[in-house]
Amino acid sequence: MKKFTPTERTTLKRLPSRAEYDRETVYKILDEAFLCHVGFVVDGQPYVIPTGYARRGDTLYIHGSAASRMLRSLAEGLEVCVTVTLLDGLVLARSAFHHSFNYRSVVVLGKATVVESAEEKFAALEAFTNHVIPNRWAEVREPNEQEMKGTLVLQLPLVEVSAKVRTGAPIDDEEDYAIAVWAGVLPLQLTASTPIQDERMQTDIDLPDYVVNYSRPAKNE
């Protein structure tokens, strides 16, 4: 299936032209971003928690300490809303009202479940590591038995999903185009700065190419 099927909860009511249900578009956003915000309600109290994530196929994984209130709450079957956002630019209009952002975002709704299989849990942790630095898992120490026991991994199927995307120039009221003020887009992107070596690292280790030339991947599966 190339597209997600919109539901009552994922159908955009405002500015529906910005809605995207194409699976490739959604996956590119998920694979480029680092952080998601996990929204849920416990005893009437809403929470929105930022955390890392990874995608494998049609499944989104989040993980953390087995003592995490967020993960333990979600494991009980609470409804969850996971949001991922990439900021691509500042849209500067001629009027204050029409200033905006160029962005790409994804919203995933559903219920998360605990990954019980040791094999899948291990694969999910590998995906978390490689999502940040591709192929890093192959170079570092893998989690030991104690670390695996202390880590809770949840899976959220990518079924009820939508993306929202804004691109392009500012859209002003027609009469405002005559105003003598600069208008346009200031593009933004995430770039890496100069690497800072760990003071306790052995001195004969070269700086890896994937650190020197780091950039966010745009994976496709």
N, C-alpha and C. Protein backbone atom coordinates (compact mmCIF):
# COMPACT_ATOMS: atom_id res chain seq x y z
N MET A 1 0.85 -1.20 0.00
CA MET A 1 0.00 0.00 0.00
C MET A 1 0.89 1.24 0.00
N LYS A 2 0.67 2.14 -0.97
CA LYS A 2 1.53 3.31 -1.10
C LYS A 2 1.09 4.47 -0.21
N LYS A 3 -0.17 4.46 0.22
CA LYS A 3 -0.68 5.57 1.02
C LYS A 3 -1.33 5.05 2.30
N PHE A 4 -1.27 5.88 3.35
CA PHE A 4 -2.04 5.60 4.54
C PHE A 4 -3.48 6.01 4.29
N THR A 5 -4.40 5.26 4.84
CA THR A 5 -5.82 5.59 4.69
C THR A 5 -6.22 6.60 5.75
N PRO A 6 -6.66 7.79 5.35
CA PRO A 6 -7.07 8.80 6.35
C PRO A 6 -8.23 8.30 7.20
N THR A 7 -8.19 8.62 8.48
CA THR A 7 -9.29 8.30 9.38
C THR A 7 -9.91 9.61 9.85
N GLU A 8 -10.95 9.51 10.63
CA GLU A 8 -11.58 10.71 11.18
C GLU A 8 -10.58 11.51 12.00
N ARG A 9 -9.67 10.82 12.67
CA ARG A 9 -8.70 11.50 13.53
C ARG A 9 -7.50 12.04 12.78
N THR A 10 -7.18 11.50 11.60
CA THR A 10 -6.00 11.95 10.89
C THR A 10 -6.32 12.81 9.66
N THR A 11 -7.61 13.00 9.38
CA THR A 11 -7.99 13.85 8.26
C THR A 11 -7.85 15.32 8.66
N LEU A 12 -7.03 16.07 7.93
CA LEU A 12 -6.80 17.48 8.26
C LEU A 12 -8.03 18.30 7.93
N LYS A 13 -8.50 19.04 8.92
CA LYS A 13 -9.67 19.88 8.74
C LYS A 13 -9.27 21.28 8.27
N ARG A 14 -8.17 21.80 8.81
CA ARG A 14 -7.70 23.13 8.45
C ARG A 14 -6.52 23.01 7.50
N LEU A 15 -6.57 23.76 6.41
CA LEU A 15 -5.55 23.70 5.37
C LEU A 15 -5.31 22.27 4.90
N PRO A 16 -6.37 21.60 4.44
CA PRO A 16 -6.23 20.19 4.02
C PRO A 16 -5.29 20.00 2.84
N SER A 17 -5.00 21.08 2.11
CA SER A 17 -4.08 20.96 0.98
C SER A 17 -2.66 20.62 1.43
N ARG A 18 -2.36 20.85 2.71
CA ARG A 18 -1.04 20.53 3.23
C ARG A 18 -0.93 19.09 3.74
N ALA A 19 -2.02 18.37 3.70
CA ALA A 19 -2.01 17.00 4.19
C ALA A 19 -1.26 16.09 3.23
N GLU A 20 -0.53 15.14 3.79
CA GLU A 20 0.18 14.13 3.01
C GLU A 20 -0.09 12.77 3.66
N TYR A 21 -0.52 11.82 2.85
CA TYR A 21 -0.73 10.47 3.35
C TYR A 21 0.14 9.46 2.61
N ASP A 22 1.00 9.99 1.75
CA ASP A 22 1.90 9.14 1.00
C ASP A 22 2.91 8.49 1.94
N ARG A 23 3.03 7.18 1.87
CA ARG A 23 3.90 6.45 2.79
C ARG A 23 5.36 6.87 2.65
N GLU A 24 5.83 7.09 1.44
CA GLU A 24 7.23 7.48 1.23
C GLU A 24 7.51 8.84 1.86
N THR A 25 6.58 9.78 1.71
CA THR A 25 6.75 11.11 2.31
C THR A 25 6.83 11.01 3.83
N VAL A 26 5.94 10.24 4.42
CA VAL A 26 5.92 10.06 5.87
C VAL A 26 7.22 9.44 6.36
N TYR A 27 7.68 8.40 5.67
CA TYR A 27 8.88 7.70 6.12
C TYR A 27 10.13 8.55 5.97
N LYS A 28 10.19 9.38 4.96
CA LYS A 28 11.34 10.27 4.80
C LYS A 28 11.43 11.25 5.96
N ILE A 29 10.29 11.76 6.40
CA ILE A 29 10.28 12.68 7.55
C ILE A 29 10.72 11.95 8.81
N LEU A 30 10.17 10.78 9.05
CA LEU A 30 10.53 10.01 10.24
C LEU A 30 12.00 9.63 10.24
N ASP A 31 12.55 9.32 9.09
CA ASP A 31 13.93 8.87 9.01
C ASP A 31 14.94 10.01 9.09
N GLU A 32 14.50 11.23 8.83
CA GLU A 32 15.41 12.38 8.90
C GLU A 32 15.46 13.00 10.29
N ALA A 33 14.34 13.00 10.98
CA ALA A 33 14.27 13.66 12.29
C ALA A 33 14.92 12.81 13.37
N PHE A 34 15.22 13.45 14.51
CA PHE A 34 15.82 12.76 15.66
C PHE A 34 14.80 12.48 16.75
N LEU A 35 14.00 13.52 17.08
CA LEU A 35 13.16 13.49 18.26
C LEU A 35 11.68 13.45 17.91
N CYS A 36 10.94 12.79 18.76
CA CYS A 36 9.49 12.85 18.68
C CYS A 36 8.95 13.37 20.00
N HIS A 37 7.71 13.83 20.00
CA HIS A 37 7.03 14.22 21.23
C HIS A 37 5.87 13.25 21.43
N VAL A 38 5.86 12.62 22.58
CA VAL A 38 4.87 11.58 22.88
C VAL A 38 3.81 12.17 23.80
N GLY A 39 2.59 12.22 23.32
CA GLY A 39 1.48 12.77 24.09
C GLY A 39 0.56 11.68 24.60
N PHE A 40 0.18 11.75 25.88
CA PHE A 40 -0.72 10.77 26.48
C PHE A 40 -1.35 11.39 27.72
N VAL A 41 -2.38 10.75 28.24
CA VAL A 41 -3.10 11.26 29.41
C VAL A 41 -3.15 10.18 30.48
N VAL A 42 -2.76 10.54 31.71
CA VAL A 42 -2.82 9.63 32.84
C VAL A 42 -3.66 10.27 33.93
N ASP A 43 -4.77 9.63 34.30
CA ASP A 43 -5.66 10.13 35.36
C ASP A 43 -6.07 11.58 35.09
N GLY A 44 -6.38 11.88 33.85
CA GLY A 44 -6.85 13.21 33.49
C GLY A 44 -5.76 14.24 33.29
N GLN A 45 -4.51 13.87 33.56
CA GLN A 45 -3.40 14.81 33.41
C GLN A 45 -2.67 14.53 32.09
N PRO A 46 -2.67 15.51 31.16
CA PRO A 46 -1.95 15.31 29.91
C PRO A 46 -0.44 15.50 30.08
N TYR A 47 0.32 14.70 29.34
CA TYR A 47 1.77 14.82 29.31
C TYR A 47 2.23 14.81 27.85
N VAL A 48 3.29 15.57 27.56
CA VAL A 48 3.95 15.53 26.26
C VAL A 48 5.44 15.43 26.54
N ILE A 49 6.02 14.30 26.18
CA ILE A 49 7.41 14.01 26.55
C ILE A 49 8.26 13.87 25.28
N PRO A 50 9.36 14.64 25.18
CA PRO A 50 10.27 14.47 24.04
C PRO A 50 11.16 13.24 24.26
N THR A 51 11.38 12.48 23.21
CA THR A 51 12.24 11.30 23.32
C THR A 51 12.73 10.90 21.93
N GLY A 52 13.72 10.03 21.91
CA GLY A 52 14.21 9.50 20.64
C GLY A 52 13.33 8.37 20.15
N TYR A 53 13.53 7.99 18.92
CA TYR A 53 12.72 6.92 18.33
C TYR A 53 13.49 6.32 17.16
N ALA A 54 12.95 5.26 16.63
CA ALA A 54 13.50 4.66 15.40
C ALA A 54 12.36 3.98 14.66
N ARG A 55 12.54 3.85 13.37
CA ARG A 55 11.54 3.16 12.54
C ARG A 55 12.17 1.93 11.90
N ARG A 56 11.41 0.83 11.94
CA ARG A 56 11.76 -0.36 11.18
C ARG A 56 10.53 -0.77 10.40
N GLY A 57 10.60 -0.61 9.07
CA GLY A 57 9.44 -0.95 8.26
C GLY A 57 8.23 -0.13 8.64
N ASP A 58 7.13 -0.81 9.00
CA ASP A 58 5.88 -0.14 9.34
C ASP A 58 5.68 -0.02 10.85
N THR A 59 6.78 0.00 11.59
CA THR A 59 6.69 0.09 13.05
C THR A 59 7.59 1.18 13.58
N LEU A 60 7.07 1.96 14.52
CA LEU A 60 7.85 2.98 15.21
C LEU A 60 8.18 2.45 16.60
N TYR A 61 9.43 2.61 17.01
CA TYR A 61 9.87 2.13 18.32
C TYR A 61 10.30 3.31 19.19
N ILE A 62 9.95 3.26 20.47
CA ILE A 62 10.49 4.17 21.46
C ILE A 62 11.00 3.32 22.62
N HIS A 63 12.00 3.85 23.34
CA HIS A 63 12.59 3.04 24.39
C HIS A 63 13.11 3.94 25.51
N GLY A 64 13.46 3.30 26.60
CA GLY A 64 14.02 4.02 27.74
C GLY A 64 14.14 3.08 28.94
N SER A 65 14.33 3.67 30.09
CA SER A 65 14.46 2.89 31.31
C SER A 65 13.17 2.14 31.60
N ALA A 66 13.32 0.93 32.11
CA ALA A 66 12.14 0.14 32.49
C ALA A 66 11.36 0.82 33.61
N ALA A 67 11.99 1.78 34.30
CA ALA A 67 11.32 2.51 35.38
C ALA A 67 10.60 3.76 34.89
N SER A 68 10.69 4.05 33.59
CA SER A 68 10.09 5.26 33.03
C SER A 68 8.57 5.26 33.20
N ARG A 69 8.03 6.33 33.79
CA ARG A 69 6.58 6.43 33.96
C ARG A 69 5.89 6.48 32.61
N MET A 70 6.48 7.20 31.66
CA MET A 70 5.87 7.28 30.34
C MET A 70 5.74 5.91 29.70
N LEU A 71 6.83 5.15 29.69
CA LEU A 71 6.80 3.85 29.04
C LEU A 71 5.90 2.87 29.77
N ARG A 72 5.95 2.89 31.10
CA ARG A 72 5.09 1.98 31.86
C ARG A 72 3.62 2.33 31.65
N SER A 73 3.31 3.62 31.53
CA SER A 73 1.93 4.03 31.30
C SER A 73 1.45 3.60 29.92
N LEU A 74 2.29 3.80 28.93
CA LEU A 74 1.91 3.43 27.56
C LEU A 74 1.77 1.92 27.42
N ALA A 75 2.60 1.18 28.16
CA ALA A 75 2.55 -0.28 28.09
C ALA A 75 1.22 -0.83 28.60
N GLU A 76 0.47 -0.01 29.36
CA GLU A 76 -0.82 -0.43 29.87
C GLU A 76 -1.94 -0.27 28.85
N GLY A 77 -1.60 0.24 27.66
CA GLY A 77 -2.58 0.32 26.59
C GLY A 77 -3.22 1.68 26.40
N LEU A 78 -2.59 2.73 26.92
CA LEU A 78 -3.13 4.07 26.74
C LEU A 78 -3.06 4.50 25.27
N GLU A 79 -4.01 5.33 24.86
CA GLU A 79 -3.92 5.94 23.55
C GLU A 79 -2.75 6.92 23.54
N VAL A 80 -2.01 6.93 22.45
CA VAL A 80 -0.83 7.78 22.37
C VAL A 80 -0.84 8.57 21.06
N CYS A 81 -0.27 9.76 21.13
CA CYS A 81 -0.09 10.60 19.94
C CYS A 81 1.39 10.94 19.85
N VAL A 82 2.04 10.48 18.79
CA VAL A 82 3.46 10.74 18.58
C VAL A 82 3.60 11.74 17.44
N THR A 83 4.34 12.82 17.69
CA THR A 83 4.51 13.88 16.70
C THR A 83 5.99 14.10 16.41
N VAL A 84 6.31 14.20 15.14
CA VAL A 84 7.68 14.47 14.69
C VAL A 84 7.63 15.70 13.78
N THR A 85 8.56 16.64 13.98
CA THR A 85 8.55 17.88 13.20
C THR A 85 9.96 18.24 12.72
N LEU A 86 10.05 18.64 11.46
CA LEU A 86 11.27 19.19 10.88
C LEU A 86 11.00 20.63 10.47
N LEU A 87 11.82 21.55 10.92
CA LEU A 87 11.68 22.96 10.58
C LEU A 87 12.62 23.28 9.42
N ASP A 88 12.05 23.70 8.29
CA ASP A 88 12.83 23.92 7.07
C ASP A 88 13.09 25.39 6.74
N GLY A 89 12.33 26.30 7.35
CA GLY A 89 12.56 27.70 7.04
C GLY A 89 11.60 28.64 7.74
N LEU A 90 12.04 29.91 7.84
CA LEU A 90 11.19 30.97 8.37
C LEU A 90 10.57 31.70 7.20
N VAL A 91 9.26 31.81 7.21
CA VAL A 91 8.53 32.47 6.12
C VAL A 91 8.17 33.88 6.57
N LEU A 92 8.83 34.87 5.97
CA LEU A 92 8.66 36.26 6.37
C LEU A 92 7.76 36.97 5.38
N ALA A 93 6.57 37.30 5.84
CA ALA A 93 5.58 37.93 4.98
C ALA A 93 5.63 39.45 5.13
N ARG A 94 4.80 40.12 4.37
CA ARG A 94 4.71 41.59 4.44
C ARG A 94 3.83 42.03 5.59
N SER A 95 3.00 41.14 6.08
CA SER A 95 2.17 41.44 7.24
C SER A 95 2.55 40.51 8.37
N ALA A 96 2.41 40.97 9.59
CA ALA A 96 2.72 40.12 10.75
C ALA A 96 1.83 38.89 10.78
N PHE A 97 0.60 39.05 10.34
CA PHE A 97 -0.38 37.96 10.41
C PHE A 97 0.03 36.77 9.56
N HIS A 98 0.68 36.99 8.43
CA HIS A 98 0.97 35.91 7.49
C HIS A 98 2.39 35.35 7.61
N HIS A 99 3.13 35.76 8.64
CA HIS A 99 4.40 35.08 8.90
C HIS A 99 4.13 33.61 9.23
N SER A 100 5.05 32.73 8.83
CA SER A 100 4.82 31.31 9.02
C SER A 100 6.14 30.56 9.06
N PHE A 101 6.07 29.25 9.00
CA PHE A 101 7.23 28.37 8.90
C PHE A 101 7.03 27.44 7.72
N ASN A 102 8.13 27.07 7.08
CA ASN A 102 8.11 25.91 6.21
C ASN A 102 8.53 24.72 7.06
N TYR A 103 7.76 23.68 7.01
CA TYR A 103 7.98 22.55 7.91
C TYR A 103 7.45 21.27 7.30
N ARG A 104 7.86 20.16 7.89
CA ARG A 104 7.32 18.84 7.58
C ARG A 104 7.03 18.14 8.90
N SER A 105 5.85 17.64 9.08
CA SER A 105 5.50 17.00 10.35
C SER A 105 4.72 15.72 10.11
N VAL A 106 4.80 14.83 11.10
CA VAL A 106 4.07 13.57 11.06
C VAL A 106 3.39 13.36 12.40
N VAL A 107 2.15 12.90 12.36
CA VAL A 107 1.42 12.54 13.57
C VAL A 107 1.02 11.07 13.47
N VAL A 108 1.34 10.32 14.52
CA VAL A 108 1.00 8.89 14.58
C VAL A 108 0.10 8.67 15.78
N LEU A 109 -1.04 8.04 15.57
CA LEU A 109 -1.99 7.75 16.65
C LEU A 109 -2.11 6.23 16.82
N GLY A 110 -2.40 5.81 18.04
CA GLY A 110 -2.59 4.38 18.26
C GLY A 110 -2.27 3.98 19.68
N LYS A 111 -2.03 2.69 19.87
CA LYS A 111 -1.65 2.15 21.16
C LYS A 111 -0.33 1.40 21.01
N ALA A 112 0.59 1.68 21.92
CA ALA A 112 1.89 1.02 21.88
C ALA A 112 1.85 -0.25 22.72
N THR A 113 2.65 -1.22 22.33
CA THR A 113 2.76 -2.47 23.07
C THR A 113 4.23 -2.77 23.35
N VAL A 114 4.48 -3.55 24.38
CA VAL A 114 5.83 -3.91 24.77
C VAL A 114 6.42 -4.91 23.77
N VAL A 115 7.66 -4.71 23.40
CA VAL A 115 8.37 -5.68 22.57
C VAL A 115 8.86 -6.79 23.50
N GLU A 116 8.27 -7.95 23.38
CA GLU A 116 8.59 -9.07 24.27
C GLU A 116 9.72 -9.93 23.71
N SER A 117 9.77 -10.05 22.40
CA SER A 117 10.78 -10.90 21.78
C SER A 117 12.17 -10.32 21.98
N ALA A 118 13.08 -11.11 22.51
CA ALA A 118 14.46 -10.66 22.73
C ALA A 118 15.11 -10.28 21.41
N GLU A 119 14.82 -11.04 20.37
CA GLU A 119 15.41 -10.78 19.06
C GLU A 119 14.93 -9.45 18.49
N GLU A 120 13.62 -9.18 18.60
CA GLU A 120 13.09 -7.92 18.08
C GLU A 120 13.55 -6.75 18.93
N LYS A 121 13.65 -6.94 20.23
CA LYS A 121 14.12 -5.88 21.13
C LYS A 121 15.55 -5.51 20.77
N PHE A 122 16.38 -6.52 20.53
CA PHE A 122 17.77 -6.28 20.15
C PHE A 122 17.84 -5.53 18.82
N ALA A 123 16.98 -5.94 17.86
CA ALA A 123 16.96 -5.28 16.56
C ALA A 123 16.49 -3.84 16.67
N ALA A 124 15.55 -3.58 17.59
CA ALA A 124 15.06 -2.22 17.79
C ALA A 124 16.16 -1.34 18.37
N LEU A 125 16.92 -1.85 19.33
CA LEU A 125 18.02 -1.08 19.92
C LEU A 125 19.10 -0.80 18.88
N GLU A 126 19.34 -1.75 17.99
CA GLU A 126 20.27 -1.50 16.89
C GLU A 126 19.75 -0.39 15.99
N ALA A 127 18.45 -0.40 15.74
CA ALA A 127 17.84 0.64 14.89
C ALA A 127 17.94 2.01 15.54
N PHE A 128 17.78 2.09 16.87
CA PHE A 128 17.93 3.37 17.57
C PHE A 128 19.32 3.95 17.36
N THR A 129 20.33 3.10 17.51
CA THR A 129 21.72 3.56 17.37
C THR A 129 22.02 4.00 15.95
N ASN A 130 21.62 3.19 14.99
CA ASN A 130 21.92 3.50 13.59
C ASN A 130 21.06 4.63 13.04
N HIS A 131 19.96 4.92 13.70
CA HIS A 131 19.14 6.06 13.28
C HIS A 131 19.89 7.38 13.51
N VAL A 132 20.68 7.42 14.57
CA VAL A 132 21.45 8.62 14.89
C VAL A 132 22.73 8.67 14.06
N ILE A 133 23.47 7.58 14.05
CA ILE A 133 24.71 7.46 13.27
C ILE A 133 24.64 6.16 12.47
N PRO A 134 24.41 6.21 11.18
CA PRO A 134 24.32 4.98 10.39
C PRO A 134 25.55 4.08 10.56
N ASN A 135 25.28 2.80 10.79
CA ASN A 135 26.33 1.77 10.92
C ASN A 135 27.16 1.88 12.19
N ARG A 136 26.78 2.73 13.11
CA ARG A 136 27.52 2.89 14.36
C ARG A 136 27.46 1.62 15.21
N TRP A 137 26.34 0.93 15.17
CA TRP A 137 26.13 -0.27 15.98
C TRP A 137 27.24 -1.28 15.77
N ALA A 138 27.73 -1.40 14.55
CA ALA A 138 28.74 -2.41 14.22
C ALA A 138 30.08 -2.12 14.88
N GLU A 139 30.30 -0.89 15.36
CA GLU A 139 31.59 -0.51 15.92
C GLU A 139 31.61 -0.46 17.45
N VAL A 140 30.47 -0.34 18.06
CA VAL A 140 30.43 -0.12 19.51
C VAL A 140 30.06 -1.41 20.25
N ARG A 141 30.19 -1.39 21.58
CA ARG A 141 29.79 -2.54 22.39
C ARG A 141 28.28 -2.67 22.39
N GLU A 142 27.80 -3.87 22.19
CA GLU A 142 26.36 -4.11 22.24
C GLU A 142 25.87 -4.15 23.69
N PRO A 143 24.58 -3.91 23.91
CA PRO A 143 24.07 -3.95 25.29
C PRO A 143 24.28 -5.32 25.92
N ASN A 144 24.65 -5.32 27.20
CA ASN A 144 24.80 -6.59 27.90
C ASN A 144 23.45 -7.02 28.49
N GLU A 145 23.44 -8.16 29.15
CA GLU A 145 22.19 -8.72 29.65
C GLU A 145 21.52 -7.79 30.66
N GLN A 146 22.31 -7.20 31.54
CA GLN A 146 21.75 -6.30 32.55
C GLN A 146 21.14 -5.06 31.90
N GLU A 147 21.82 -4.51 30.89
CA GLU A 147 21.30 -3.32 30.19
C GLU A 147 20.02 -3.66 29.43
N MET A 148 19.97 -4.84 28.86
CA MET A 148 18.77 -5.25 28.14
C MET A 148 17.58 -5.38 29.10
N LYS A 149 17.82 -5.94 30.28
CA LYS A 149 16.75 -6.10 31.26
C LYS A 149 16.26 -4.75 31.78
N GLY A 150 17.16 -3.78 31.85
CA GLY A 150 16.80 -2.46 32.36
C GLY A 150 16.20 -1.53 31.32
N THR A 151 16.02 -2.03 30.10
CA THR A 151 15.50 -1.21 29.01
C THR A 151 14.14 -1.73 28.56
N LEU A 152 13.19 -0.82 28.45
CA LEU A 152 11.86 -1.16 27.95
C LEU A 152 11.71 -0.60 26.55
N VAL A 153 11.29 -1.44 25.62
CA VAL A 153 11.08 -1.02 24.24
C VAL A 153 9.61 -1.21 23.89
N LEU A 154 9.01 -0.14 23.36
CA LEU A 154 7.62 -0.20 22.92
C LEU A 154 7.55 -0.07 21.41
N GLN A 155 6.55 -0.70 20.84
CA GLN A 155 6.33 -0.62 19.40
C GLN A 155 4.96 -0.02 19.11
N LEU A 156 4.92 0.82 18.11
CA LEU A 156 3.68 1.48 17.70
C LEU A 156 3.50 1.25 16.21
N PRO A 157 2.49 0.49 15.81
CA PRO A 157 2.31 0.23 14.37
C PRO A 157 1.93 1.51 13.63
N LEU A 158 2.54 1.69 12.46
CA LEU A 158 2.25 2.87 11.64
C LEU A 158 1.02 2.57 10.78
N VAL A 159 -0.14 2.85 11.37
CA VAL A 159 -1.41 2.59 10.70
C VAL A 159 -2.22 3.87 10.57
N GLU A 160 -2.45 4.53 11.70
CA GLU A 160 -3.23 5.77 11.70
C GLU A 160 -2.24 6.94 11.70
N VAL A 161 -1.89 7.39 10.51
CA VAL A 161 -0.76 8.30 10.33
C VAL A 161 -1.13 9.39 9.32
N SER A 162 -0.65 10.61 9.57
CA SER A 162 -0.78 11.68 8.59
C SER A 162 0.46 12.57 8.66
N ALA A 163 0.75 13.23 7.57
CA ALA A 163 1.82 14.22 7.53
C ALA A 163 1.23 15.55 7.11
N LYS A 164 1.91 16.62 7.50
CA LYS A 164 1.50 17.96 7.10
C LYS A 164 2.75 18.70 6.67
N VAL A 165 2.69 19.33 5.52
CA VAL A 165 3.88 19.95 4.92
C VAL A 165 3.54 21.34 4.41
N ARG A 166 4.39 22.32 4.75
CA ARG A 166 4.29 23.64 4.15
C ARG A 166 5.59 23.96 3.45
N THR A 167 5.49 24.41 2.22
CA THR A 167 6.66 24.82 1.44
C THR A 167 6.35 26.13 0.74
N GLY A 168 7.39 26.77 0.23
CA GLY A 168 7.18 27.93 -0.63
C GLY A 168 7.18 29.27 0.05
N ALA A 169 6.84 30.27 -0.71
CA ALA A 169 6.92 31.68 -0.33
C ALA A 169 5.78 32.08 0.60
N PRO A 170 5.90 33.27 1.20
CA PRO A 170 4.78 33.79 2.00
C PRO A 170 3.57 34.06 1.12
N ILE A 171 2.41 33.97 1.73
CA ILE A 171 1.16 34.25 1.02
C ILE A 171 0.52 35.45 1.70
N ASP A 172 0.65 36.61 1.06
CA ASP A 172 0.12 37.85 1.63
C ASP A 172 -1.23 38.18 1.04
N ASP A 173 -1.96 39.07 1.72
CA ASP A 173 -3.16 39.64 1.12
C ASP A 173 -2.73 40.45 -0.09
N GLU A 174 -3.55 40.46 -1.12
CA GLU A 174 -3.16 41.07 -2.39
C GLU A 174 -2.74 42.53 -2.23
N GLU A 175 -3.42 43.26 -1.39
CA GLU A 175 -3.09 44.68 -1.23
C GLU A 175 -1.77 44.89 -0.49
N ASP A 176 -1.28 43.85 0.21
CA ASP A 176 -0.04 43.99 0.97
C ASP A 176 1.21 43.79 0.11
N TYR A 177 1.06 43.28 -1.11
CA TYR A 177 2.23 43.06 -1.95
C TYR A 177 2.91 44.37 -2.34
N ALA A 178 2.24 45.49 -2.17
CA ALA A 178 2.84 46.79 -2.50
C ALA A 178 3.63 47.38 -1.33
N ILE A 179 3.60 46.74 -0.17
CA ILE A 179 4.33 47.25 0.99
C ILE A 179 5.83 47.10 0.77
N ALA A 180 6.59 48.17 1.05
CA ALA A 180 8.03 48.17 0.81
C ALA A 180 8.78 47.56 1.99
N VAL A 181 8.71 46.26 2.11
CA VAL A 181 9.43 45.53 3.15
C VAL A 181 9.87 44.19 2.57
N TRP A 182 11.06 43.74 3.00
CA TRP A 182 11.56 42.47 2.45
C TRP A 182 10.67 41.32 2.88
N ALA A 183 10.39 40.44 1.94
CA ALA A 183 9.59 39.26 2.22
C ALA A 183 10.22 38.07 1.51
N GLY A 184 10.10 36.89 2.09
CA GLY A 184 10.66 35.69 1.47
C GLY A 184 10.85 34.60 2.51
N VAL A 185 11.73 33.68 2.20
CA VAL A 185 11.98 32.53 3.06
C VAL A 185 13.44 32.51 3.50
N LEU A 186 13.67 32.33 4.79
CA LEU A 186 15.01 32.12 5.32
C LEU A 186 15.15 30.62 5.59
N PRO A 187 15.83 29.88 4.70
CA PRO A 187 15.93 28.43 4.88
C PRO A 187 16.73 28.07 6.13
N LEU A 188 16.35 27.00 6.77
CA LEU A 188 17.04 26.49 7.95
C LEU A 188 17.35 25.02 7.73
N GLN A 189 18.49 24.58 8.27
CA GLN A 189 18.82 23.17 8.23
C GLN A 189 19.71 22.81 9.40
N LEU A 190 19.66 21.54 9.78
CA LEU A 190 20.48 21.05 10.88
C LEU A 190 21.85 20.66 10.34
N THR A 191 22.90 21.28 10.87
CA THR A 191 24.25 20.96 10.45
C THR A 191 25.13 20.65 11.66
N ALA A 192 26.12 19.81 11.46
CA ALA A 192 27.03 19.44 12.54
C ALA A 192 28.15 20.47 12.65
N SER A 193 28.60 20.73 13.87
CA SER A 193 29.72 21.63 14.11
C SER A 193 30.99 20.80 14.29
N THR A 194 32.05 21.42 14.78
CA THR A 194 33.33 20.75 14.95
C THR A 194 33.23 19.68 16.05
N PRO A 195 33.61 18.44 15.75
CA PRO A 195 33.54 17.37 16.76
C PRO A 195 34.43 17.67 17.95
N ILE A 196 33.98 17.29 19.15
CA ILE A 196 34.74 17.48 20.38
C ILE A 196 35.13 16.10 20.91
N GLN A 197 36.40 15.83 20.93
CA GLN A 197 36.89 14.50 21.32
C GLN A 197 36.77 14.29 22.82
N ASP A 198 36.36 13.08 23.21
CA ASP A 198 36.32 12.69 24.62
C ASP A 198 37.75 12.74 25.17
N GLU A 199 37.93 13.40 26.30
CA GLU A 199 39.26 13.55 26.89
C GLU A 199 39.89 12.21 27.28
N ARG A 200 39.06 11.19 27.52
CA ARG A 200 39.59 9.89 27.94
C ARG A 200 39.76 8.92 26.77
N MET A 201 39.56 9.40 25.55
CA MET A 201 39.71 8.52 24.40
C MET A 201 41.17 8.25 24.10
N GLN A 202 41.46 7.06 23.60
CA GLN A 202 42.82 6.73 23.20
C GLN A 202 43.26 7.67 22.08
N THR A 203 44.52 8.08 22.12
CA THR A 203 44.99 9.12 21.19
C THR A 203 45.24 8.60 19.78
N ASP A 204 45.27 7.29 19.60
CA ASP A 204 45.59 6.75 18.27
C ASP A 204 44.36 6.40 17.45
N ILE A 205 43.22 6.90 17.84
CA ILE A 205 41.98 6.62 17.11
C ILE A 205 41.66 7.80 16.20
N ASP A 206 41.55 7.50 14.92
CA ASP A 206 41.25 8.54 13.94
C ASP A 206 39.78 8.95 14.03
N LEU A 207 39.53 10.19 13.66
CA LEU A 207 38.16 10.69 13.61
C LEU A 207 37.43 10.01 12.45
N PRO A 208 36.33 9.31 12.71
CA PRO A 208 35.64 8.58 11.65
C PRO A 208 35.09 9.51 10.58
N ASP A 209 35.04 8.98 9.37
CA ASP A 209 34.49 9.76 8.26
C ASP A 209 33.04 10.13 8.51
N TYR A 210 32.28 9.23 9.15
CA TYR A 210 30.87 9.52 9.38
C TYR A 210 30.66 10.63 10.41
N VAL A 211 31.71 10.98 11.16
CA VAL A 211 31.64 12.13 12.06
C VAL A 211 32.09 13.39 11.30
N VAL A 212 33.18 13.27 10.55
CA VAL A 212 33.70 14.41 9.79
C VAL A 212 32.67 14.92 8.79
N ASN A 213 32.01 14.00 8.12
CA ASN A 213 31.07 14.37 7.04
C ASN A 213 29.62 14.06 7.43
N TYR A 214 29.29 14.28 8.69
CA TYR A 214 27.98 13.89 9.17
C TYR A 214 26.85 14.72 8.53
N SER A 215 25.82 14.02 8.13
CA SER A 215 24.60 14.68 7.67
C SER A 215 23.44 13.72 7.91
N ARG A 216 22.24 14.25 7.98
CA ARG A 216 21.09 13.40 8.23
C ARG A 216 20.78 12.56 7.00
N PRO A 217 20.58 11.28 7.18
CA PRO A 217 20.25 10.42 6.04
C PRO A 217 18.80 10.60 5.63
N ALA A 218 18.52 10.29 4.40
CA ALA A 218 17.14 10.24 3.90
C ALA A 218 16.91 8.81 3.42
N LYS A 219 16.55 7.94 4.37
CA LYS A 219 16.43 6.52 4.06
C LYS A 219 15.10 6.21 3.40
N ASN A 220 15.11 5.15 2.64
CA ASN A 220 13.87 4.64 2.06
C ASN A 220 13.84 3.14 2.27
N GLU A 221 12.72 2.64 2.67
CA GLU A 221 12.56 1.19 2.83
C GLU A 221 11.30 0.75 2.09
